[in-house]
Amino acid sequence: MGWISAVIIFAIFAGMIYMIVSRGRTMMRLAKRGTPIQGTVTKKARRQSSQGGMATPYLKYEFRARGQVYQRSIAVSEEVFNAHEEGGPIDISYDQQNPKINAAQYMVDLIKEAYAKKRSKE
């Protein structure tokens, strides 16, 4: 039974690495060619972890592109959570070729800043 546990742990670890790399590529794609648009915050909420720790603040937003409405729910800092209201605006960046690829503009800006710092050190 020990090898089964090892395989399960490896599969979970590999899945986590894949998700992190995939999200990193998505954010770089938006940083390079994302299109800015204004979305609307449709919900503010706090989600309690299954371990009962601190509740994580989330914003749900939507925007319209190519005649369709796209939605996303994102974990945010307390500062970002407090800076937005339900029904209020939120700046979004999305991929015109595939609007399902989108993120809050402030997150894309953070990636741009980090990339610029890295390039200036090279």
PDB file of N, CA and C in Angstrom:
ATOM      1  N   MET A   1       0.818  -1.187   0.000  1.00  0.00           N
ATOM      2  CA  MET A   1       0.000   0.000   0.000  1.00  0.00           C
ATOM      3  C   MET A   1       0.870   1.262   0.000  1.00  0.00           C
ATOM      4  N   GLY A   2       2.124   1.174   0.368  1.00  0.00           N
ATOM      5  CA  GLY A   2       3.017   2.321   0.394  1.00  0.00           C
ATOM      6  C   GLY A   2       3.267   2.908  -0.976  1.00  0.00           C
ATOM      7  N   TRP A   3       3.398   2.076  -2.008  1.00  0.00           N
ATOM      8  CA  TRP A   3       3.647   2.595  -3.345  1.00  0.00           C
ATOM      9  C   TRP A   3       2.428   3.313  -3.910  1.00  0.00           C
ATOM     10  N   ILE A   4       1.226   2.893  -3.516  1.00  0.00           N
ATOM     11  CA  ILE A   4       0.010   3.569  -3.968  1.00  0.00           C
ATOM     12  C   ILE A   4      -0.022   4.993  -3.416  1.00  0.00           C
ATOM     13  N   SER A   5       0.333   5.121  -2.152  1.00  0.00           N
ATOM     14  CA  SER A   5       0.379   6.451  -1.544  1.00  0.00           C
ATOM     15  C   SER A   5       1.401   7.336  -2.252  1.00  0.00           C
ATOM     16  N   ALA A   6       2.551   6.767  -2.579  1.00  0.00           N
ATOM     17  CA  ALA A   6       3.587   7.528  -3.269  1.00  0.00           C
ATOM     18  C   ALA A   6       3.110   7.986  -4.641  1.00  0.00           C
ATOM     19  N   VAL A   7       2.401   7.124  -5.363  1.00  0.00           N
ATOM     20  CA  VAL A   7       1.881   7.477  -6.684  1.00  0.00           C
ATOM     21  C   VAL A   7       0.835   8.586  -6.559  1.00  0.00           C
ATOM     22  N   ILE A   8      -0.021   8.500  -5.566  1.00  0.00           N
ATOM     23  CA  ILE A   8      -1.063   9.510  -5.356  1.00  0.00           C
ATOM     24  C   ILE A   8      -0.416  10.851  -5.014  1.00  0.00           C
ATOM     25  N   ILE A   9       0.555  10.845  -4.124  1.00  0.00           N
ATOM     26  CA  ILE A   9       1.244  12.087  -3.745  1.00  0.00           C
ATOM     27  C   ILE A   9       1.954  12.680  -4.952  1.00  0.00           C
ATOM     28  N   PHE A  10       2.614  11.849  -5.739  1.00  0.00           N
ATOM     29  CA  PHE A  10       3.289  12.332  -6.944  1.00  0.00           C
ATOM     30  C   PHE A  10       2.290  12.949  -7.919  1.00  0.00           C
ATOM     31  N   ALA A  11       1.142  12.290  -8.122  1.00  0.00           N
ATOM     32  CA  ALA A  11       0.126  12.799  -9.045  1.00  0.00           C
ATOM     33  C   ALA A  11      -0.410  14.148  -8.578  1.00  0.00           C
ATOM     34  N   ILE A  12      -0.634  14.289  -7.291  1.00  0.00           N
ATOM     35  CA  ILE A  12      -1.115  15.564  -6.749  1.00  0.00           C
ATOM     36  C   ILE A  12      -0.061  16.644  -6.951  1.00  0.00           C
ATOM     37  N   PHE A  13       1.173  16.330  -6.639  1.00  0.00           N
ATOM     38  CA  PHE A  13       2.283  17.278  -6.804  1.00  0.00           C
ATOM     39  C   PHE A  13       2.428  17.684  -8.270  1.00  0.00           C
ATOM     40  N   ALA A  14       2.395  16.718  -9.176  1.00  0.00           N
ATOM     41  CA  ALA A  14       2.527  17.012 -10.608  1.00  0.00           C
ATOM     42  C   ALA A  14       1.368  17.886 -11.080  1.00  0.00           C
ATOM     43  N   GLY A  15       0.169  17.613 -10.603  1.00  0.00           N
ATOM     44  CA  GLY A  15      -0.997  18.427 -10.968  1.00  0.00           C
ATOM     45  C   GLY A  15      -0.855  19.862 -10.485  1.00  0.00           C
ATOM     46  N   MET A  16      -0.333  20.040  -9.279  1.00  0.00           N
ATOM     47  CA  MET A  16      -0.136  21.386  -8.742  1.00  0.00           C
ATOM     48  C   MET A  16       0.904  22.145  -9.566  1.00  0.00           C
ATOM     49  N   ILE A  17       1.986  21.487  -9.917  1.00  0.00           N
ATOM     50  CA  ILE A  17       3.025  22.118 -10.735  1.00  0.00           C
ATOM     51  C   ILE A  17       2.449  22.519 -12.092  1.00  0.00           C
ATOM     52  N   TYR A  18       1.670  21.642 -12.694  1.00  0.00           N
ATOM     53  CA  TYR A  18       1.050  21.944 -13.984  1.00  0.00           C
ATOM     54  C   TYR A  18       0.157  23.175 -13.882  1.00  0.00           C
ATOM     55  N   MET A  19      -0.662  23.264 -12.843  1.00  0.00           N
ATOM     56  CA  MET A  19      -1.563  24.410 -12.672  1.00  0.00           C
ATOM     57  C   MET A  19      -0.786  25.704 -12.487  1.00  0.00           C
ATOM     58  N   ILE A  20       0.287  25.662 -11.713  1.00  0.00           N
ATOM     59  CA  ILE A  20       1.093  26.860 -11.479  1.00  0.00           C
ATOM     60  C   ILE A  20       1.756  27.323 -12.778  1.00  0.00           C
ATOM     61  N   VAL A  21       2.346  26.412 -13.516  1.00  0.00           N
ATOM     62  CA  VAL A  21       3.008  26.763 -14.777  1.00  0.00           C
ATOM     63  C   VAL A  21       1.979  27.266 -15.782  1.00  0.00           C
ATOM     64  N   SER A  22       0.837  26.609 -15.858  1.00  0.00           N
ATOM     65  CA  SER A  22      -0.206  27.009 -16.792  1.00  0.00           C
ATOM     66  C   SER A  22      -0.723  28.410 -16.486  1.00  0.00           C
ATOM     67  N   ARG A  23      -0.971  28.703 -15.209  1.00  0.00           N
ATOM     68  CA  ARG A  23      -1.453  30.044 -14.831  1.00  0.00           C
ATOM     69  C   ARG A  23      -0.376  31.101 -15.099  1.00  0.00           C
ATOM     70  N   GLY A  24       0.881  30.747 -14.875  1.00  0.00           N
ATOM     71  CA  GLY A  24       1.977  31.673 -15.174  1.00  0.00           C
ATOM     72  C   GLY A  24       2.030  32.016 -16.653  1.00  0.00           C
ATOM     73  N   ARG A  25       1.854  31.022 -17.512  1.00  0.00           N
ATOM     74  CA  ARG A  25       1.848  31.267 -18.957  1.00  0.00           C
ATOM     75  C   ARG A  25       0.663  32.136 -19.360  1.00  0.00           C
ATOM     76  N   THR A  26      -0.485  31.877 -18.751  1.00  0.00           N
ATOM     77  CA  THR A  26      -1.671  32.680 -19.027  1.00  0.00           C
ATOM     78  C   THR A  26      -1.434  34.135 -18.657  1.00  0.00           C
ATOM     79  N   MET A  27      -0.865  34.373 -17.499  1.00  0.00           N
ATOM     80  CA  MET A  27      -0.621  35.743 -17.059  1.00  0.00           C
ATOM     81  C   MET A  27       0.402  36.438 -17.954  1.00  0.00           C
ATOM     82  N   MET A  28       1.425  35.720 -18.399  1.00  0.00           N
ATOM     83  CA  MET A  28       2.404  36.315 -19.320  1.00  0.00           C
ATOM     84  C   MET A  28       1.738  36.643 -20.661  1.00  0.00           C
ATOM     85  N   ARG A  29       0.853  35.779 -21.088  1.00  0.00           N
ATOM     86  CA  ARG A  29       0.121  36.030 -22.339  1.00  0.00           C
ATOM     87  C   ARG A  29      -0.684  37.321 -22.216  1.00  0.00           C
ATOM     88  N   LEU A  30      -1.371  37.502 -21.089  1.00  0.00           N
ATOM     89  CA  LEU A  30      -2.148  38.721 -20.877  1.00  0.00           C
ATOM     90  C   LEU A  30      -1.236  39.943 -20.733  1.00  0.00           C
ATOM     91  N   ALA A  31      -0.094  39.757 -20.099  1.00  0.00           N
ATOM     92  CA  ALA A  31       0.847  40.874 -19.937  1.00  0.00           C
ATOM     93  C   ALA A  31       1.376  41.338 -21.296  1.00  0.00           C
ATOM     94  N   LYS A  32       1.560  40.420 -22.215  1.00  0.00           N
ATOM     95  CA  LYS A  32       2.112  40.763 -23.526  1.00  0.00           C
ATOM     96  C   LYS A  32       1.058  41.274 -24.497  1.00  0.00           C
ATOM     97  N   ARG A  33      -0.140  40.676 -24.472  1.00  0.00           N
ATOM     98  CA  ARG A  33      -1.122  41.065 -25.494  1.00  0.00           C
ATOM     99  C   ARG A  33      -2.554  41.154 -24.984  1.00  0.00           C
ATOM    100  N   GLY A  34      -2.720  41.339 -23.693  1.00  0.00           N
ATOM    101  CA  GLY A  34      -4.065  41.472 -23.145  1.00  0.00           C
ATOM    102  C   GLY A  34      -4.709  42.789 -23.552  1.00  0.00           C
ATOM    103  N   THR A  35      -6.009  42.765 -23.678  1.00  0.00           N
ATOM    104  CA  THR A  35      -6.786  43.950 -24.025  1.00  0.00           C
ATOM    105  C   THR A  35      -7.515  44.436 -22.781  1.00  0.00           C
ATOM    106  N   PRO A  36      -7.327  45.699 -22.408  1.00  0.00           N
ATOM    107  CA  PRO A  36      -8.023  46.210 -21.224  1.00  0.00           C
ATOM    108  C   PRO A  36      -9.505  46.453 -21.509  1.00  0.00           C
ATOM    109  N   ILE A  37     -10.323  46.202 -20.496  1.00  0.00           N
ATOM    110  CA  ILE A  37     -11.763  46.444 -20.575  1.00  0.00           C
ATOM    111  C   ILE A  37     -12.265  46.641 -19.148  1.00  0.00           C
ATOM    112  N   GLN A  38     -13.363  47.327 -19.006  1.00  0.00           N
ATOM    113  CA  GLN A  38     -13.920  47.505 -17.673  1.00  0.00           C
ATOM    114  C   GLN A  38     -15.012  46.466 -17.449  1.00  0.00           C
ATOM    115  N   GLY A  39     -14.892  45.760 -16.339  1.00  0.00           N
ATOM    116  CA  GLY A  39     -15.893  44.789 -15.956  1.00  0.00           C
ATOM    117  C   GLY A  39     -16.686  45.315 -14.768  1.00  0.00           C
ATOM    118  N   THR A  40     -17.556  44.468 -14.252  1.00  0.00           N
ATOM    119  CA  THR A  40     -18.394  44.809 -13.109  1.00  0.00           C
ATOM    120  C   THR A  40     -18.229  43.758 -12.022  1.00  0.00           C
ATOM    121  N   VAL A  41     -18.033  44.207 -10.791  1.00  0.00           N
ATOM    122  CA  VAL A  41     -17.987  43.284  -9.654  1.00  0.00           C
ATOM    123  C   VAL A  41     -19.420  42.839  -9.383  1.00  0.00           C
ATOM    124  N   THR A  42     -19.659  41.545  -9.474  1.00  0.00           N
ATOM    125  CA  THR A  42     -21.010  41.034  -9.276  1.00  0.00           C
ATOM    126  C   THR A  42     -21.220  40.445  -7.889  1.00  0.00           C
ATOM    127  N   LYS A  43     -20.111  40.138  -7.199  1.00  0.00           N
ATOM    128  CA  LYS A  43     -20.238  39.569  -5.859  1.00  0.00           C
ATOM    129  C   LYS A  43     -18.937  39.745  -5.086  1.00  0.00           C
ATOM    130  N   LYS A  44     -19.085  40.065  -3.814  1.00  0.00           N
ATOM    131  CA  LYS A  44     -17.956  40.070  -2.873  1.00  0.00           C
ATOM    132  C   LYS A  44     -18.286  39.046  -1.808  1.00  0.00           C
ATOM    133  N   ALA A  45     -17.319  38.200  -1.494  1.00  0.00           N
ATOM    134  CA  ALA A  45     -17.581  37.163  -0.498  1.00  0.00           C
ATOM    135  C   ALA A  45     -16.278  36.750   0.177  1.00  0.00           C
ATOM    136  N   ARG A  46     -16.434  36.084   1.281  1.00  0.00           N
ATOM    137  CA  ARG A  46     -15.303  35.467   1.977  1.00  0.00           C
ATOM    138  C   ARG A  46     -15.569  33.975   2.045  1.00  0.00           C
ATOM    139  N   ARG A  47     -14.566  33.207   1.688  1.00  0.00           N
ATOM    140  CA  ARG A  47     -14.698  31.748   1.699  1.00  0.00           C
ATOM    141  C   ARG A  47     -13.856  31.176   2.827  1.00  0.00           C
ATOM    142  N   GLN A  48     -14.500  30.386   3.627  1.00  0.00           N
ATOM    143  CA  GLN A  48     -13.839  29.732   4.758  1.00  0.00           C
ATOM    144  C   GLN A  48     -13.135  28.479   4.252  1.00  0.00           C
ATOM    145  N   SER A  49     -11.915  28.270   4.673  1.00  0.00           N
ATOM    146  CA  SER A  49     -11.207  27.054   4.268  1.00  0.00           C
ATOM    147  C   SER A  49     -11.795  25.860   5.008  1.00  0.00           C
ATOM    148  N   SER A  50     -11.570  24.685   4.473  1.00  0.00           N
ATOM    149  CA  SER A  50     -12.093  23.475   5.103  1.00  0.00           C
ATOM    150  C   SER A  50     -11.426  23.209   6.451  1.00  0.00           C
ATOM    151  N   GLN A  51     -10.235  23.802   6.670  1.00  0.00           N
ATOM    152  CA  GLN A  51      -9.545  23.637   7.949  1.00  0.00           C
ATOM    153  C   GLN A  51     -10.026  24.650   8.979  1.00  0.00           C
ATOM    154  N   GLY A  52     -10.899  25.574   8.582  1.00  0.00           N
ATOM    155  CA  GLY A  52     -11.457  26.536   9.529  1.00  0.00           C
ATOM    156  C   GLY A  52     -10.568  27.729   9.823  1.00  0.00           C
ATOM    157  N   GLY A  53      -9.560  27.981   9.016  1.00  0.00           N
ATOM    158  CA  GLY A  53      -8.676  29.124   9.224  1.00  0.00           C
ATOM    159  C   GLY A  53      -9.369  30.416   8.837  1.00  0.00           C
ATOM    160  N   MET A  54      -8.561  31.418   8.526  1.00  0.00           N
ATOM    161  CA  MET A  54      -9.108  32.711   8.139  1.00  0.00           C
ATOM    162  C   MET A  54      -9.863  32.601   6.817  1.00  0.00           C
ATOM    163  N   ALA A  55     -10.917  33.382   6.681  1.00  0.00           N
ATOM    164  CA  ALA A  55     -11.692  33.401   5.447  1.00  0.00           C
ATOM    165  C   ALA A  55     -10.940  34.217   4.394  1.00  0.00           C
ATOM    166  N   THR A  56     -10.905  33.710   3.176  1.00  0.00           N
ATOM    167  CA  THR A  56     -10.225  34.367   2.070  1.00  0.00           C
ATOM    168  C   THR A  56     -11.213  35.253   1.311  1.00  0.00           C
ATOM    169  N   PRO A  57     -10.856  36.524   1.077  1.00  0.00           N
ATOM    170  CA  PRO A  57     -11.756  37.397   0.315  1.00  0.00           C
ATOM    171  C   PRO A  57     -11.719  37.069  -1.179  1.00  0.00           C
ATOM    172  N   TYR A  58     -12.889  37.067  -1.796  1.00  0.00           N
ATOM    173  CA  TYR A  58     -13.046  36.792  -3.219  1.00  0.00           C
ATOM    174  C   TYR A  58     -13.887  37.872  -3.869  1.00  0.00           C
ATOM    175  N   LEU A  59     -13.590  38.147  -5.121  1.00  0.00           N
ATOM    176  CA  LEU A  59     -14.438  38.989  -5.955  1.00  0.00           C
ATOM    177  C   LEU A  59     -14.874  38.157  -7.147  1.00  0.00           C
ATOM    178  N   LYS A  60     -16.135  38.291  -7.509  1.00  0.00           N
ATOM    179  CA  LYS A  60     -16.623  37.700  -8.748  1.00  0.00           C
ATOM    180  C   LYS A  60     -16.903  38.863  -9.678  1.00  0.00           C
ATOM    181  N   TYR A  61     -16.425  38.759 -10.915  1.00  0.00           N
ATOM    182  CA  TYR A  61     -16.645  39.830 -11.873  1.00  0.00           C
ATOM    183  C   TYR A  61     -17.141  39.267 -13.190  1.00  0.00           C
ATOM    184  N   GLU A  62     -17.673  40.180 -14.003  1.00  0.00           N
ATOM    185  CA  GLU A  62     -18.073  39.812 -15.351  1.00  0.00           C
ATOM    186  C   GLU A  62     -17.763  40.966 -16.293  1.00  0.00           C
ATOM    187  N   PHE A  63     -17.619  40.613 -17.566  1.00  0.00           N
ATOM    188  CA  PHE A  63     -17.410  41.610 -18.605  1.00  0.00           C
ATOM    189  C   PHE A  63     -17.977  41.061 -19.899  1.00  0.00           C
ATOM    190  N   ARG A  64     -18.233  41.952 -20.827  1.00  0.00           N
ATOM    191  CA  ARG A  64     -18.785  41.560 -22.118  1.00  0.00           C
ATOM    192  C   ARG A  64     -17.727  41.755 -23.194  1.00  0.00           C
ATOM    193  N   ALA A  65     -17.524  40.732 -24.006  1.00  0.00           N
ATOM    194  CA  ALA A  65     -16.594  40.795 -25.134  1.00  0.00           C
ATOM    195  C   ALA A  65     -17.121  39.891 -26.238  1.00  0.00           C
ATOM    196  N   ARG A  66     -17.002  40.353 -27.452  1.00  0.00           N
ATOM    197  CA  ARG A  66     -17.440  39.570 -28.619  1.00  0.00           C
ATOM    198  C   ARG A  66     -18.904  39.129 -28.490  1.00  0.00           C
ATOM    199  N   GLY A  67     -19.726  39.995 -27.881  1.00  0.00           N
ATOM    200  CA  GLY A  67     -21.152  39.712 -27.759  1.00  0.00           C
ATOM    201  C   GLY A  67     -21.522  38.684 -26.712  1.00  0.00           C
ATOM    202  N   GLN A  68     -20.589  38.352 -25.839  1.00  0.00           N
ATOM    203  CA  GLN A  68     -20.829  37.325 -24.835  1.00  0.00           C
ATOM    204  C   GLN A  68     -20.376  37.829 -23.471  1.00  0.00           C
ATOM    205  N   VAL A  69     -21.005  37.341 -22.410  1.00  0.00           N
ATOM    206  CA  VAL A  69     -20.619  37.705 -21.043  1.00  0.00           C
ATOM    207  C   VAL A  69     -19.688  36.628 -20.488  1.00  0.00           C
ATOM    208  N   TYR A  70     -18.568  37.075 -19.918  1.00  0.00           N
ATOM    209  CA  TYR A  70     -17.589  36.178 -19.296  1.00  0.00           C
ATOM    210  C   TYR A  70     -17.520  36.500 -17.811  1.00  0.00           C
ATOM    211  N   GLN A  71     -17.355  35.462 -16.981  1.00  0.00           N
ATOM    212  CA  GLN A  71     -17.306  35.635 -15.530  1.00  0.00           C
ATOM    213  C   GLN A  71     -16.092  34.928 -14.960  1.00  0.00           C
ATOM    214  N   ARG A  72     -15.641  35.436 -13.833  1.00  0.00           N
ATOM    215  CA  ARG A  72     -14.533  34.800 -13.119  1.00  0.00           C
ATOM    216  C   ARG A  72     -14.635  35.170 -11.652  1.00  0.00           C
ATOM    217  N   SER A  73     -14.205  34.271 -10.801  1.00  0.00           N
ATOM    218  CA  SER A  73     -14.116  34.512  -9.368  1.00  0.00           C
ATOM    219  C   SER A  73     -12.648  34.412  -8.985  1.00  0.00           C
ATOM    220  N   ILE A  74     -12.145  35.435  -8.265  1.00  0.00           N
ATOM    221  CA  ILE A  74     -10.722  35.468  -7.938  1.00  0.00           C
ATOM    222  C   ILE A  74     -10.508  35.756  -6.458  1.00  0.00           C
ATOM    223  N   ALA A  75      -9.504  35.116  -5.884  1.00  0.00           N
ATOM    224  CA  ALA A  75      -9.077  35.443  -4.523  1.00  0.00           C
ATOM    225  C   ALA A  75      -8.289  36.744  -4.598  1.00  0.00           C
ATOM    226  N   VAL A  76      -8.520  37.631  -3.638  1.00  0.00           N
ATOM    227  CA  VAL A  76      -7.858  38.936  -3.638  1.00  0.00           C
ATOM    228  C   VAL A  76      -7.358  39.271  -2.245  1.00  0.00           C
ATOM    229  N   SER A  77      -6.516  40.280  -2.173  1.00  0.00           N
ATOM    230  CA  SER A  77      -6.042  40.771  -0.881  1.00  0.00           C
ATOM    231  C   SER A  77      -7.155  41.571  -0.211  1.00  0.00           C
ATOM    232  N   GLU A  78      -6.996  41.824   1.074  1.00  0.00           N
ATOM    233  CA  GLU A  78      -7.969  42.658   1.799  1.00  0.00           C
ATOM    234  C   GLU A  78      -8.051  44.047   1.174  1.00  0.00           C
ATOM    235  N   GLU A  79      -6.897  44.572   0.764  1.00  0.00           N
ATOM    236  CA  GLU A  79      -6.849  45.906   0.163  1.00  0.00           C
ATOM    237  C   GLU A  79      -7.695  45.972  -1.107  1.00  0.00           C
ATOM    238  N   VAL A  80      -7.532  44.994  -1.982  1.00  0.00           N
ATOM    239  CA  VAL A  80      -8.300  44.962  -3.229  1.00  0.00           C
ATOM    240  C   VAL A  80      -9.782  44.713  -2.919  1.00  0.00           C
ATOM    241  N   PHE A  81     -10.053  43.819  -2.001  1.00  0.00           N
ATOM    242  CA  PHE A  81     -11.431  43.512  -1.597  1.00  0.00           C
ATOM    243  C   PHE A  81     -12.140  44.784  -1.129  1.00  0.00           C
ATOM    244  N   ASN A  82     -11.474  45.540  -0.264  1.00  0.00           N
ATOM    245  CA  ASN A  82     -12.073  46.752   0.296  1.00  0.00           C
ATOM    246  C   ASN A  82     -12.199  47.884  -0.723  1.00  0.00           C
ATOM    247  N   ALA A  83     -11.391  47.842  -1.782  1.00  0.00           N
ATOM    248  CA  ALA A  83     -11.405  48.906  -2.788  1.00  0.00           C
ATOM    249  C   ALA A  83     -12.524  48.739  -3.823  1.00  0.00           C
ATOM    250  N   HIS A  84     -13.216  47.614  -3.791  1.00  0.00           N
ATOM    251  CA  HIS A  84     -14.271  47.344  -4.774  1.00  0.00           C
ATOM    252  C   HIS A  84     -15.612  47.124  -4.088  1.00  0.00           C
ATOM    253  N   GLU A  85     -16.666  47.496  -4.789  1.00  0.00           N
ATOM    254  CA  GLU A  85     -18.030  47.307  -4.301  1.00  0.00           C
ATOM    255  C   GLU A  85     -18.824  46.485  -5.309  1.00  0.00           C
ATOM    256  N   GLU A  86     -19.795  45.725  -4.819  1.00  0.00           N
ATOM    257  CA  GLU A  86     -20.683  45.003  -5.722  1.00  0.00           C
ATOM    258  C   GLU A  86     -21.393  46.007  -6.615  1.00  0.00           C
ATOM    259  N   GLY A  87     -21.419  45.713  -7.894  1.00  0.00           N
ATOM    260  CA  GLY A  87     -22.023  46.612  -8.869  1.00  0.00           C
ATOM    261  C   GLY A  87     -21.061  47.666  -9.381  1.00  0.00           C
ATOM    262  N   GLY A  88     -19.895  47.759  -8.769  1.00  0.00           N
ATOM    263  CA  GLY A  88     -18.901  48.746  -9.167  1.00  0.00           C
ATOM    264  C   GLY A  88     -17.970  48.220 -10.243  1.00  0.00           C
ATOM    265  N   PRO A  89     -17.131  49.101 -10.789  1.00  0.00           N
ATOM    266  CA  PRO A  89     -16.228  48.719 -11.870  1.00  0.00           C
ATOM    267  C   PRO A  89     -14.979  47.990 -11.363  1.00  0.00           C
ATOM    268  N   ILE A  90     -14.422  47.189 -12.241  1.00  0.00           N
ATOM    269  CA  ILE A  90     -13.120  46.559 -12.014  1.00  0.00           C
ATOM    270  C   ILE A  90     -12.435  46.473 -13.371  1.00  0.00           C
ATOM    271  N   ASP A  91     -11.166  46.847 -13.408  1.00  0.00           N
ATOM    272  CA  ASP A  91     -10.395  46.797 -14.651  1.00  0.00           C
ATOM    273  C   ASP A  91      -9.949  45.366 -14.912  1.00  0.00           C
ATOM    274  N   ILE A  92     -10.176  44.918 -16.132  1.00  0.00           N
ATOM    275  CA  ILE A  92      -9.890  43.549 -16.560  1.00  0.00           C
ATOM    276  C   ILE A  92      -8.952  43.603 -17.761  1.00  0.00           C
ATOM    277  N   SER A  93      -8.182  42.552 -17.941  1.00  0.00           N
ATOM    278  CA  SER A  93      -7.404  42.345 -19.151  1.00  0.00           C
ATOM    279  C   SER A  93      -7.823  40.988 -19.707  1.00  0.00           C
ATOM    280  N   TYR A  94      -8.084  40.921 -21.014  1.00  0.00           N
ATOM    281  CA  TYR A  94      -8.497  39.646 -21.599  1.00  0.00           C
ATOM    282  C   TYR A  94      -7.819  39.435 -22.944  1.00  0.00           C
ATOM    283  N   ASP A  95      -7.795  38.192 -23.375  1.00  0.00           N
ATOM    284  CA  ASP A  95      -7.226  37.821 -24.660  1.00  0.00           C
ATOM    285  C   ASP A  95      -8.335  37.913 -25.708  1.00  0.00           C
ATOM    286  N   GLN A  96      -8.164  38.788 -26.703  1.00  0.00           N
ATOM    287  CA  GLN A  96      -9.200  38.969 -27.717  1.00  0.00           C
ATOM    288  C   GLN A  96      -9.483  37.699 -28.501  1.00  0.00           C
ATOM    289  N   GLN A  97      -8.488  36.851 -28.666  1.00  0.00           N
ATOM    290  CA  GLN A  97      -8.700  35.596 -29.399  1.00  0.00           C
ATOM    291  C   GLN A  97      -9.478  34.580 -28.570  1.00  0.00           C
ATOM    292  N   ASN A  98      -9.358  34.688 -27.239  1.00  0.00           N
ATOM    293  CA  ASN A  98     -10.057  33.763 -26.346  1.00  0.00           C
ATOM    294  C   ASN A  98     -10.391  34.496 -25.047  1.00  0.00           C
ATOM    295  N   PRO A  99     -11.523  35.208 -25.000  1.00  0.00           N
ATOM    296  CA  PRO A  99     -11.865  35.997 -23.814  1.00  0.00           C
ATOM    297  C   PRO A  99     -12.005  35.195 -22.517  1.00  0.00           C
ATOM    298  N   LYS A 100     -12.086  33.871 -22.620  1.00  0.00           N
ATOM    299  CA  LYS A 100     -12.105  33.059 -21.393  1.00  0.00           C
ATOM    300  C   LYS A 100     -10.788  33.222 -20.638  1.00  0.00           C
ATOM    301  N   ILE A 101      -9.750  33.643 -21.354  1.00  0.00           N
ATOM    302  CA  ILE A 101      -8.466  33.944 -20.730  1.00  0.00           C
ATOM    303  C   ILE A 101      -8.516  35.395 -20.304  1.00  0.00           C
ATOM    304  N   ASN A 102      -8.655  35.618 -19.003  1.00  0.00           N
ATOM    305  CA  ASN A 102      -8.787  36.973 -18.478  1.00  0.00           C
ATOM    306  C   ASN A 102      -8.323  37.022 -17.036  1.00  0.00           C
ATOM    307  N   ALA A 103      -8.045  38.233 -16.572  1.00  0.00           N
ATOM    308  CA  ALA A 103      -7.610  38.434 -15.188  1.00  0.00           C
ATOM    309  C   ALA A 103      -7.844  39.893 -14.822  1.00  0.00           C
ATOM    310  N   ALA A 104      -7.884  40.147 -13.534  1.00  0.00           N
ATOM    311  CA  ALA A 104      -7.973  41.521 -13.070  1.00  0.00           C
ATOM    312  C   ALA A 104      -6.716  42.253 -13.536  1.00  0.00           C
ATOM    313  N   GLN A 105      -6.887  43.469 -14.007  1.00  0.00           N
ATOM    314  CA  GLN A 105      -5.770  44.239 -14.564  1.00  0.00           C
ATOM    315  C   GLN A 105      -4.641  44.424 -13.560  1.00  0.00           C
ATOM    316  N   TYR A 106      -4.979  44.616 -12.267  1.00  0.00           N
ATOM    317  CA  TYR A 106      -3.906  44.835 -11.288  1.00  0.00           C
ATOM    318  C   TYR A 106      -2.990  43.620 -11.207  1.00  0.00           C
ATOM    319  N   MET A 107      -3.534  42.412 -11.424  1.00  0.00           N
ATOM    320  CA  MET A 107      -2.697  41.212 -11.390  1.00  0.00           C
ATOM    321  C   MET A 107      -1.776  41.176 -12.610  1.00  0.00           C
ATOM    322  N   VAL A 108      -2.303  41.557 -13.760  1.00  0.00           N
ATOM    323  CA  VAL A 108      -1.500  41.613 -14.980  1.00  0.00           C
ATOM    324  C   VAL A 108      -0.396  42.662 -14.822  1.00  0.00           C
ATOM    325  N   ASP A 109      -0.734  43.797 -14.222  1.00  0.00           N
ATOM    326  CA  ASP A 109       0.271  44.846 -13.991  1.00  0.00           C
ATOM    327  C   ASP A 109       1.397  44.352 -13.081  1.00  0.00           C
ATOM    328  N   LEU A 110       1.063  43.549 -12.086  1.00  0.00           N
ATOM    329  CA  LEU A 110       2.097  42.983 -11.212  1.00  0.00           C
ATOM    330  C   LEU A 110       3.056  42.094 -11.995  1.00  0.00           C
ATOM    331  N   ILE A 111       2.517  41.304 -12.913  1.00  0.00           N
ATOM    332  CA  ILE A 111       3.355  40.445 -13.757  1.00  0.00           C
ATOM    333  C   ILE A 111       4.250  41.301 -14.652  1.00  0.00           C
ATOM    334  N   LYS A 112       3.690  42.367 -15.233  1.00  0.00           N
ATOM    335  CA  LYS A 112       4.483  43.259 -16.078  1.00  0.00           C
ATOM    336  C   LYS A 112       5.636  43.883 -15.293  1.00  0.00           C
ATOM    337  N   GLU A 113       5.353  44.330 -14.072  1.00  0.00           N
ATOM    338  CA  GLU A 113       6.394  44.931 -13.232  1.00  0.00           C
ATOM    339  C   GLU A 113       7.491  43.922 -12.908  1.00  0.00           C
ATOM    340  N   ALA A 114       7.098  42.709 -12.545  1.00  0.00           N
ATOM    341  CA  ALA A 114       8.083  41.680 -12.209  1.00  0.00           C
ATOM    342  C   ALA A 114       8.935  41.335 -13.428  1.00  0.00           C
ATOM    343  N   TYR A 115       8.310  41.246 -14.583  1.00  0.00           N
ATOM    344  CA  TYR A 115       9.029  40.929 -15.818  1.00  0.00           C
ATOM    345  C   TYR A 115      10.010  42.055 -16.164  1.00  0.00           C
ATOM    346  N   ALA A 116       9.574  43.301 -15.985  1.00  0.00           N
ATOM    347  CA  ALA A 116      10.455  44.452 -16.271  1.00  0.00           C
ATOM    348  C   ALA A 116      11.656  44.458 -15.336  1.00  0.00           C
ATOM    349  N   LYS A 117      11.445  44.143 -14.063  1.00  0.00           N
ATOM    350  CA  LYS A 117      12.563  44.073 -13.103  1.00  0.00           C
ATOM    351  C   LYS A 117      13.543  42.984 -13.493  1.00  0.00           C
ATOM    352  N   LYS A 118      13.008  41.834 -13.879  1.00  0.00           N
ATOM    353  CA  LYS A 118      13.864  40.716 -14.269  1.00  0.00           C
ATOM    354  C   LYS A 118      14.699  41.084 -15.494  1.00  0.00           C
ATOM    355  N   ARG A 119      14.087  41.733 -16.474  1.00  0.00           N
ATOM    356  CA  ARG A 119      14.803  42.123 -17.696  1.00  0.00           C
ATOM    357  C   ARG A 119      15.855  43.174 -17.415  1.00  0.00           C
ATOM    358  N   SER A 120      15.593  44.063 -16.463  1.00  0.00           N
ATOM    359  CA  SER A 120      16.575  45.123 -16.163  1.00  0.00           C
ATOM    360  C   SER A 120      17.802  44.566 -15.459  1.00  0.00           C
ATOM    361  N   LYS A 121      17.679  43.410 -14.826  1.00  0.00           N
ATOM    362  CA  LYS A 121      18.815  42.780 -14.153  1.00  0.00           C
ATOM    363  C   LYS A 121      19.677  41.960 -15.109  1.00  0.00           C
ATOM    364  N   GLU A 122      19.135  41.641 -16.268  1.00  0.00           N
ATOM    365  CA  GLU A 122      19.881  40.808 -17.231  1.00  0.00           C
ATOM    366  C   GLU A 122      20.896  41.602 -17.989  1.00  0.00           C
TER     367      GLU A 122
END
